Amino acid sequence: ESGHPNADGTFELTCDERAEGNHPARENACARLD
């Protein structure tokens, strides 16, 4: 219900030596979590 079709859905995010998964902003998301 975000109002943005590309933002809605289920996304996987793995943060390790590098960001992985189908999250649309995985690099920035992992940096924020760090």
PDB file of all heavy atoms in Angstrom:
ATOM      1  N   GLU A   1       0.798  -1.225   0.000  1.00  0.00           N
ATOM      2  CA  GLU A   1       0.000   0.000   0.000  1.00  0.00           C
ATOM      3  C   GLU A   1       0.832   1.277   0.000  1.00  0.00           C
ATOM      4  O   GLU A   1       0.421   2.297   0.540  1.00  0.00           O
ATOM      5  CB  GLU A   1      -0.967  -0.002   1.192  1.00  0.00           C
ATOM      6  CG  GLU A   1      -1.916  -1.190   1.186  1.00  0.00           C
ATOM      7  CD  GLU A   1      -2.849  -1.188   2.369  1.00  0.00           C
ATOM      8  OE1 GLU A   1      -3.394  -0.105   2.699  1.00  0.00           O
ATOM      9  OE2 GLU A   1      -3.048  -2.258   2.956  1.00  0.00           O
ATOM     10  N   SER A   2       2.007   1.216  -0.622  1.00  0.00           N
ATOM     11  CA  SER A   2       2.880   2.394  -0.648  1.00  0.00           C
ATOM     12  C   SER A   2       2.422   3.436  -1.661  1.00  0.00           C
ATOM     13  O   SER A   2       2.828   4.586  -1.581  1.00  0.00           O
ATOM     14  CB  SER A   2       4.313   1.978  -0.987  1.00  0.00           C
ATOM     15  OG  SER A   2       4.395   1.571  -2.341  1.00  0.00           O
ATOM     16  N   GLY A   3       1.619   3.014  -2.623  1.00  0.00           N
ATOM     17  CA  GLY A   3       1.215   3.916  -3.692  1.00  0.00           C
ATOM     18  C   GLY A   3       2.218   3.933  -4.839  1.00  0.00           C
ATOM     19  O   GLY A   3       2.041   4.661  -5.804  1.00  0.00           O
ATOM     20  N   HIS A   4       3.277   3.157  -4.706  1.00  0.00           N
ATOM     21  CA  HIS A   4       4.310   3.059  -5.732  1.00  0.00           C
ATOM     22  C   HIS A   4       4.486   1.594  -6.099  1.00  0.00           C
ATOM     23  O   HIS A   4       5.032   0.823  -5.308  1.00  0.00           O
ATOM     24  CB  HIS A   4       5.632   3.639  -5.222  1.00  0.00           C
ATOM     25  CG  HIS A   4       5.517   5.043  -4.742  1.00  0.00           C
ATOM     26  ND1 HIS A   4       5.469   6.119  -5.601  1.00  0.00           N
ATOM     27  CD2 HIS A   4       5.410   5.556  -3.489  1.00  0.00           C
ATOM     28  CE1 HIS A   4       5.343   7.228  -4.890  1.00  0.00           C
ATOM     29  NE2 HIS A   4       5.307   6.912  -3.614  1.00  0.00           N
ATOM     30  N   PRO A   5       4.025   1.179  -7.280  1.00  0.00           N
ATOM     31  CA  PRO A   5       4.056  -0.244  -7.648  1.00  0.00           C
ATOM     32  C   PRO A   5       5.441  -0.878  -7.531  1.00  0.00           C
ATOM     33  O   PRO A   5       5.557  -2.040  -7.159  1.00  0.00           O
ATOM     34  CB  PRO A   5       3.578  -0.270  -9.099  1.00  0.00           C
ATOM     35  CG  PRO A   5       2.926   1.033  -9.338  1.00  0.00           C
ATOM     36  CD  PRO A   5       3.471   2.005  -8.345  1.00  0.00           C
ATOM     37  N   ASN A   6       6.500  -0.141  -7.809  1.00  0.00           N
ATOM     38  CA  ASN A   6       7.841  -0.713  -7.719  1.00  0.00           C
ATOM     39  C   ASN A   6       8.313  -0.884  -6.283  1.00  0.00           C
ATOM     40  O   ASN A   6       9.250  -1.631  -6.016  1.00  0.00           O
ATOM     41  CB  ASN A   6       8.849   0.141  -8.484  1.00  0.00           C
ATOM     42  CG  ASN A   6       8.582   0.145  -9.970  1.00  0.00           C
ATOM     43  OD1 ASN A   6       7.967  -0.764 -10.502  1.00  0.00           O
ATOM     44  ND2 ASN A   6       9.046   1.181 -10.637  1.00  0.00           N
ATOM     45  N   ALA A   7       7.681  -0.186  -5.348  1.00  0.00           N
ATOM     46  CA  ALA A   7       8.070  -0.279  -3.944  1.00  0.00           C
ATOM     47  C   ALA A   7       7.334  -1.397  -3.220  1.00  0.00           C
ATOM     48  O   ALA A   7       7.817  -1.900  -2.212  1.00  0.00           O
ATOM     49  CB  ALA A   7       7.821   1.048  -3.239  1.00  0.00           C
ATOM     50  N   ASP A   8       6.156  -1.782  -3.713  1.00  0.00           N
ATOM     51  CA  ASP A   8       5.380  -2.844  -3.082  1.00  0.00           C
ATOM     52  C   ASP A   8       5.919  -4.207  -3.485  1.00  0.00           C
ATOM     53  O   ASP A   8       6.339  -4.416  -4.618  1.00  0.00           O
ATOM     54  CB  ASP A   8       3.905  -2.745  -3.475  1.00  0.00           C
ATOM     55  CG  ASP A   8       3.190  -1.585  -2.813  1.00  0.00           C
ATOM     56  OD1 ASP A   8       3.771  -0.947  -1.922  1.00  0.00           O
ATOM     57  OD2 ASP A   8       2.039  -1.315  -3.200  1.00  0.00           O
ATOM     58  N   GLY A   9       5.913  -5.124  -2.533  1.00  0.00           N
ATOM     59  CA  GLY A   9       6.360  -6.481  -2.813  1.00  0.00           C
ATOM     60  C   GLY A   9       7.197  -7.014  -1.670  1.00  0.00           C
ATOM     61  O   GLY A   9       7.338  -6.392  -0.627  1.00  0.00           O
ATOM     62  N   THR A  10       7.755  -8.184  -1.907  1.00  0.00           N
ATOM     63  CA  THR A  10       8.624  -8.827  -0.929  1.00  0.00           C
ATOM     64  C   THR A  10      10.027  -8.875  -1.506  1.00  0.00           C
ATOM     65  O   THR A  10      10.233  -9.329  -2.633  1.00  0.00           O
ATOM     66  CB  THR A  10       8.119 -10.236  -0.602  1.00  0.00           C
ATOM     67  OG1 THR A  10       6.807 -10.124  -0.031  1.00  0.00           O
ATOM     68  CG2 THR A  10       9.018 -10.947   0.385  1.00  0.00           C
ATOM     69  N   PHE A  11      10.981  -8.383  -0.727  1.00  0.00           N
ATOM     70  CA  PHE A  11      12.358  -8.254  -1.186  1.00  0.00           C
ATOM     71  C   PHE A  11      13.306  -8.910  -0.190  1.00  0.00           C
ATOM     72  O   PHE A  11      13.122  -8.780   1.014  1.00  0.00           O
ATOM     73  CB  PHE A  11      12.722  -6.769  -1.340  1.00  0.00           C
ATOM     74  CG  PHE A  11      11.769  -6.023  -2.211  1.00  0.00           C
ATOM     75  CD1 PHE A  11      10.772  -5.234  -1.646  1.00  0.00           C
ATOM     76  CD2 PHE A  11      11.827  -6.123  -3.589  1.00  0.00           C
ATOM     77  CE1 PHE A  11       9.871  -4.544  -2.441  1.00  0.00           C
ATOM     78  CE2 PHE A  11      10.926  -5.442  -4.393  1.00  0.00           C
ATOM     79  CZ  PHE A  11       9.952  -4.655  -3.825  1.00  0.00           C
ATOM     80  N   GLU A  12      14.289  -9.590  -0.721  1.00  0.00           N
ATOM     81  CA  GLU A  12      15.318 -10.219   0.094  1.00  0.00           C
ATOM     82  C   GLU A  12      16.537  -9.302   0.130  1.00  0.00           C
ATOM     83  O   GLU A  12      16.903  -8.708  -0.885  1.00  0.00           O
ATOM     84  CB  GLU A  12      15.705 -11.582  -0.478  1.00  0.00           C
ATOM     85  CG  GLU A  12      14.548 -12.563  -0.582  1.00  0.00           C
ATOM     86  CD  GLU A  12      13.927 -12.930   0.764  1.00  0.00           C
ATOM     87  OE1 GLU A  12      14.671 -12.997   1.776  1.00  0.00           O
ATOM     88  OE2 GLU A  12      12.702 -13.137   0.809  1.00  0.00           O
ATOM     89  N   LEU A  13      17.160  -9.211   1.295  1.00  0.00           N
ATOM     90  CA  LEU A  13      18.335  -8.367   1.469  1.00  0.00           C
ATOM     91  C   LEU A  13      19.336  -9.106   2.345  1.00  0.00           C
ATOM     92  O   LEU A  13      19.015  -9.507   3.461  1.00  0.00           O
ATOM     93  CB  LEU A  13      17.945  -7.044   2.142  1.00  0.00           C
ATOM     94  CG  LEU A  13      19.071  -6.070   2.464  1.00  0.00           C
ATOM     95  CD1 LEU A  13      19.753  -5.578   1.189  1.00  0.00           C
ATOM     96  CD2 LEU A  13      18.546  -4.893   3.262  1.00  0.00           C
ATOM     97  N   THR A  14      20.541  -9.309   1.816  1.00  0.00           N
ATOM     98  CA  THR A  14      21.622  -9.919   2.578  1.00  0.00           C
ATOM     99  C   THR A  14      22.798  -8.957   2.572  1.00  0.00           C
ATOM    100  O   THR A  14      23.245  -8.523   1.509  1.00  0.00           O
ATOM    101  CB  THR A  14      22.038 -11.275   1.975  1.00  0.00           C
ATOM    102  OG1 THR A  14      20.914 -12.147   2.005  1.00  0.00           O
ATOM    103  CG2 THR A  14      23.173 -11.901   2.761  1.00  0.00           C
ATOM    104  N   CYS A  15      23.265  -8.611   3.756  1.00  0.00           N
ATOM    105  CA  CYS A  15      24.396  -7.698   3.900  1.00  0.00           C
ATOM    106  C   CYS A  15      25.555  -8.470   4.506  1.00  0.00           C
ATOM    107  O   CYS A  15      25.488  -8.917   5.648  1.00  0.00           O
ATOM    108  CB  CYS A  15      24.021  -6.521   4.790  1.00  0.00           C
ATOM    109  SG  CYS A  15      22.599  -5.581   4.205  1.00  0.00           S
ATOM    110  N   ASP A  16      26.587  -8.644   3.728  1.00  0.00           N
ATOM    111  CA  ASP A  16      27.798  -9.326   4.165  1.00  0.00           C
ATOM    112  C   ASP A  16      28.964  -8.568   3.562  1.00  0.00           C
ATOM    113  O   ASP A  16      28.945  -7.341   3.586  1.00  0.00           O
ATOM    114  CB  ASP A  16      27.751 -10.787   3.719  1.00  0.00           C
ATOM    115  CG  ASP A  16      28.629 -11.693   4.567  1.00  0.00           C
ATOM    116  OD1 ASP A  16      29.295 -11.198   5.491  1.00  0.00           O
ATOM    117  OD2 ASP A  16      28.659 -12.904   4.305  1.00  0.00           O
ATOM    118  N   GLU A  17      29.929  -9.245   2.979  1.00  0.00           N
ATOM    119  CA  GLU A  17      31.009  -8.522   2.318  1.00  0.00           C
ATOM    120  C   GLU A  17      30.463  -7.628   1.199  1.00  0.00           C
ATOM    121  O   GLU A  17      31.021  -6.599   0.883  1.00  0.00           O
ATOM    122  CB  GLU A  17      32.048  -9.479   1.719  1.00  0.00           C
ATOM    123  CG  GLU A  17      32.889 -10.195   2.745  1.00  0.00           C
ATOM    124  CD  GLU A  17      32.228 -11.484   3.207  1.00  0.00           C
ATOM    125  OE1 GLU A  17      31.631 -12.198   2.373  1.00  0.00           O
ATOM    126  OE2 GLU A  17      32.303 -11.779   4.403  1.00  0.00           O
ATOM    127  N   ARG A  18      29.387  -8.089   0.608  1.00  0.00           N
ATOM    128  CA  ARG A  18      28.699  -7.274  -0.401  1.00  0.00           C
ATOM    129  C   ARG A  18      27.198  -7.459  -0.228  1.00  0.00           C
ATOM    130  O   ARG A  18      26.756  -8.419   0.374  1.00  0.00           O
ATOM    131  CB  ARG A  18      29.156  -7.629  -1.805  1.00  0.00           C
ATOM    132  CG  ARG A  18      28.858  -9.036  -2.225  1.00  0.00           C
ATOM    133  CD  ARG A  18      29.335  -9.245  -3.656  1.00  0.00           C
ATOM    134  NE  ARG A  18      28.386 -10.088  -4.336  1.00  0.00           N
ATOM    135  CZ  ARG A  18      28.700 -11.260  -4.849  1.00  0.00           C
ATOM    136  NH1 ARG A  18      29.928 -11.708  -4.775  1.00  0.00           N
ATOM    137  NH2 ARG A  18      27.781 -11.980  -5.444  1.00  0.00           N
ATOM    138  N   ALA A  19      26.457  -6.509  -0.757  1.00  0.00           N
ATOM    139  CA  ALA A  19      24.998  -6.560  -0.648  1.00  0.00           C
ATOM    140  C   ALA A  19      24.449  -7.513  -1.704  1.00  0.00           C
ATOM    141  O   ALA A  19      24.869  -7.474  -2.856  1.00  0.00           O
ATOM    142  CB  ALA A  19      24.415  -5.169  -0.840  1.00  0.00           C
ATOM    143  N   GLU A  20      23.511  -8.356  -1.299  1.00  0.00           N
ATOM    144  CA  GLU A  20      22.910  -9.315  -2.215  1.00  0.00           C
ATOM    145  C   GLU A  20      21.405  -9.334  -2.016  1.00  0.00           C
ATOM    146  O   GLU A  20      20.889  -8.827  -1.037  1.00  0.00           O
ATOM    147  CB  GLU A  20      23.494 -10.705  -1.974  1.00  0.00           C
ATOM    148  CG  GLU A  20      24.979 -10.797  -2.256  1.00  0.00           C
ATOM    149  CD  GLU A  20      25.539 -12.183  -1.977  1.00  0.00           C
ATOM    150  OE1 GLU A  20      24.795 -13.063  -1.511  1.00  0.00           O
ATOM    151  OE2 GLU A  20      26.731 -12.379  -2.236  1.00  0.00           O
ATOM    152  N   GLY A  21      20.721  -9.957  -2.961  1.00  0.00           N
ATOM    153  CA  GLY A  21      19.269 -10.105  -2.897  1.00  0.00           C
ATOM    154  C   GLY A  21      18.596  -9.281  -3.964  1.00  0.00           C
ATOM    155  O   GLY A  21      19.250  -8.610  -4.772  1.00  0.00           O
ATOM    156  N   ASN A  22      17.277  -9.320  -3.963  1.00  0.00           N
ATOM    157  CA  ASN A  22      16.514  -8.592  -4.975  1.00  0.00           C
ATOM    158  C   ASN A  22      15.977  -7.256  -4.461  1.00  0.00           C
ATOM    159  O   ASN A  22      15.143  -6.636  -5.115  1.00  0.00           O
ATOM    160  CB  ASN A  22      15.373  -9.461  -5.516  1.00  0.00           C
ATOM    161  CG  ASN A  22      14.294  -9.745  -4.482  1.00  0.00           C
ATOM    162  OD1 ASN A  22      14.506  -9.601  -3.284  1.00  0.00           O
ATOM    163  ND2 ASN A  22      13.143 -10.177  -4.948  1.00  0.00           N
ATOM    164  N   HIS A  23      16.454  -6.806  -3.312  1.00  0.00           N
ATOM    165  CA  HIS A  23      16.039  -5.504  -2.784  1.00  0.00           C
ATOM    166  C   HIS A  23      16.481  -4.426  -3.770  1.00  0.00           C
ATOM    167  O   HIS A  23      17.634  -4.420  -4.201  1.00  0.00           O
ATOM    168  CB  HIS A  23      16.668  -5.283  -1.409  1.00  0.00           C
ATOM    169  CG  HIS A  23      16.135  -4.089  -0.687  1.00  0.00           C
ATOM    170  ND1 HIS A  23      16.487  -2.801  -1.024  1.00  0.00           N
ATOM    171  CD2 HIS A  23      15.269  -3.992   0.341  1.00  0.00           C
ATOM    172  CE1 HIS A  23      15.862  -1.966  -0.223  1.00  0.00           C
ATOM    173  NE2 HIS A  23      15.117  -2.661   0.621  1.00  0.00           N
ATOM    174  N   PRO A  24      15.581  -3.507  -4.151  1.00  0.00           N
ATOM    175  CA  PRO A  24      15.917  -2.527  -5.185  1.00  0.00           C
ATOM    176  C   PRO A  24      17.015  -1.530  -4.808  1.00  0.00           C
ATOM    177  O   PRO A  24      17.631  -0.946  -5.692  1.00  0.00           O
ATOM    178  CB  PRO A  24      14.588  -1.809  -5.454  1.00  0.00           C
ATOM    179  CG  PRO A  24      13.738  -2.089  -4.273  1.00  0.00           C
ATOM    180  CD  PRO A  24      14.196  -3.389  -3.699  1.00  0.00           C
ATOM    181  N   ALA A  25      17.292  -1.363  -3.533  1.00  0.00           N
ATOM    182  CA  ALA A  25      18.337  -0.421  -3.104  1.00  0.00           C
ATOM    183  C   ALA A  25      19.307  -1.138  -2.166  1.00  0.00           C
ATOM    184  O   ALA A  25      19.717  -0.597  -1.146  1.00  0.00           O
ATOM    185  CB  ALA A  25      17.709   0.788  -2.422  1.00  0.00           C
ATOM    186  N   ARG A  26      19.693  -2.356  -2.527  1.00  0.00           N
ATOM    187  CA  ARG A  26      20.450  -3.204  -1.593  1.00  0.00           C
ATOM    188  C   ARG A  26      21.757  -2.590  -1.106  1.00  0.00           C
ATOM    189  O   ARG A  26      22.074  -2.691   0.070  1.00  0.00           O
ATOM    190  CB  ARG A  26      20.656  -4.600  -2.156  1.00  0.00           C
ATOM    191  CG  ARG A  26      21.449  -4.697  -3.399  1.00  0.00           C
ATOM    192  CD  ARG A  26      21.477  -6.143  -3.919  1.00  0.00           C
ATOM    193  NE  ARG A  26      22.003  -6.165  -5.256  1.00  0.00           N
ATOM    194  CZ  ARG A  26      21.284  -6.027  -6.354  1.00  0.00           C
ATOM    195  NH1 ARG A  26      19.977  -5.866  -6.257  1.00  0.00           N
ATOM    196  NH2 ARG A  26      21.837  -6.060  -7.538  1.00  0.00           N
ATOM    197  N   GLU A  27      22.531  -1.949  -1.976  1.00  0.00           N
ATOM    198  CA  GLU A  27      23.806  -1.346  -1.546  1.00  0.00           C
ATOM    199  C   GLU A  27      23.561  -0.251  -0.498  1.00  0.00           C
ATOM    200  O   GLU A  27      24.194  -0.235   0.558  1.00  0.00           O
ATOM    201  CB  GLU A  27      24.565  -0.755  -2.737  1.00  0.00           C
ATOM    202  CG  GLU A  27      25.050  -1.789  -3.730  1.00  0.00           C
ATOM    203  CD  GLU A  27      26.204  -2.629  -3.209  1.00  0.00           C
ATOM    204  OE1 GLU A  27      26.952  -2.147  -2.330  1.00  0.00           O
ATOM    205  OE2 GLU A  27      26.343  -3.776  -3.682  1.00  0.00           O
ATOM    206  N   ASN A  28      22.660   0.658  -0.799  1.00  0.00           N
ATOM    207  CA  ASN A  28      22.354   1.753   0.129  1.00  0.00           C
ATOM    208  C   ASN A  28      21.663   1.253   1.396  1.00  0.00           C
ATOM    209  O   ASN A  28      21.879   1.795   2.482  1.00  0.00           O
ATOM    210  CB  ASN A  28      21.515   2.824  -0.560  1.00  0.00           C
ATOM    211  CG  ASN A  28      22.304   3.569  -1.610  1.00  0.00           C
ATOM    212  OD1 ASN A  28      23.523   3.679  -1.535  1.00  0.00           O
ATOM    213  ND2 ASN A  28      21.619   4.080  -2.623  1.00  0.00           N
ATOM    214  N   ALA A  29      20.827   0.225   1.252  1.00  0.00           N
ATOM    215  CA  ALA A  29      20.146  -0.338   2.423  1.00  0.00           C
ATOM    216  C   ALA A  29      21.162  -0.959   3.377  1.00  0.00           C
ATOM    217  O   ALA A  29      21.097  -0.741   4.596  1.00  0.00           O
ATOM    218  CB  ALA A  29      19.108  -1.370   1.975  1.00  0.00           C
ATOM    219  N   CYS A  30      22.121  -1.703   2.851  1.00  0.00           N
ATOM    220  CA  CYS A  30      23.149  -2.304   3.702  1.00  0.00           C
ATOM    221  C   CYS A  30      24.025  -1.226   4.338  1.00  0.00           C
ATOM    222  O   CYS A  30      24.399  -1.332   5.511  1.00  0.00           O
ATOM    223  CB  CYS A  30      23.994  -3.294   2.905  1.00  0.00           C
ATOM    224  SG  CYS A  30      23.103  -4.827   2.518  1.00  0.00           S
ATOM    225  N   ALA A  31      24.325  -0.175   3.581  1.00  0.00           N
ATOM    226  CA  ALA A  31      25.115   0.932   4.138  1.00  0.00           C
ATOM    227  C   ALA A  31      24.361   1.588   5.293  1.00  0.00           C
ATOM    228  O   ALA A  31      24.957   1.917   6.335  1.00  0.00           O
ATOM    229  CB  ALA A  31      25.440   1.953   3.055  1.00  0.00           C
ATOM    230  N   ARG A  32      23.057   1.757   5.154  1.00  0.00           N
ATOM    231  CA  ARG A  32      22.256   2.361   6.229  1.00  0.00           C
ATOM    232  C   ARG A  32      22.240   1.449   7.457  1.00  0.00           C
ATOM    233  O   ARG A  32      22.375   1.921   8.591  1.00  0.00           O
ATOM    234  CB  ARG A  32      20.828   2.642   5.745  1.00  0.00           C
ATOM    235  CG  ARG A  32      19.937   3.240   6.807  1.00  0.00           C
ATOM    236  CD  ARG A  32      20.432   4.614   7.241  1.00  0.00           C
ATOM    237  NE  ARG A  32      19.576   5.178   8.272  1.00  0.00           N
ATOM    238  CZ  ARG A  32      20.028   5.857   9.317  1.00  0.00           C
ATOM    239  NH1 ARG A  32      21.325   6.102   9.436  1.00  0.00           N
ATOM    240  NH2 ARG A  32      19.210   6.316  10.211  1.00  0.00           N
ATOM    241  N   LEU A  33      22.087   0.154   7.247  1.00  0.00           N
ATOM    242  CA  LEU A  33      22.100  -0.777   8.368  1.00  0.00           C
ATOM    243  C   LEU A  33      23.452  -0.761   9.076  1.00  0.00           C
ATOM    244  O   LEU A  33      23.516  -0.843  10.301  1.00  0.00           O
ATOM    245  CB  LEU A  33      21.739  -2.189   7.892  1.00  0.00           C
ATOM    246  CG  LEU A  33      20.278  -2.374   7.491  1.00  0.00           C
ATOM    247  CD1 LEU A  33      20.086  -3.714   6.798  1.00  0.00           C
ATOM    248  CD2 LEU A  33      19.347  -2.230   8.684  1.00  0.00           C
ATOM    249  N   ASP A  34      24.541  -0.622   8.316  1.00  0.00           N
ATOM    250  CA  ASP A  34      25.873  -0.496   8.916  1.00  0.00           C
ATOM    251  C   ASP A  34      25.960   0.763   9.781  1.00  0.00           C
ATOM    252  O   ASP A  34      26.496   0.731  10.885  1.00  0.00           O
ATOM    253  CB  ASP A  34      26.963  -0.452   7.841  1.00  0.00           C
ATOM    254  CG  ASP A  34      27.289  -1.816   7.259  1.00  0.00           C
ATOM    255  OD1 ASP A  34      26.896  -2.843   7.848  1.00  0.00           O
ATOM    256  OD2 ASP A  34      27.947  -1.846   6.189  1.00  0.00           O
TER     257      ASP A  34
END
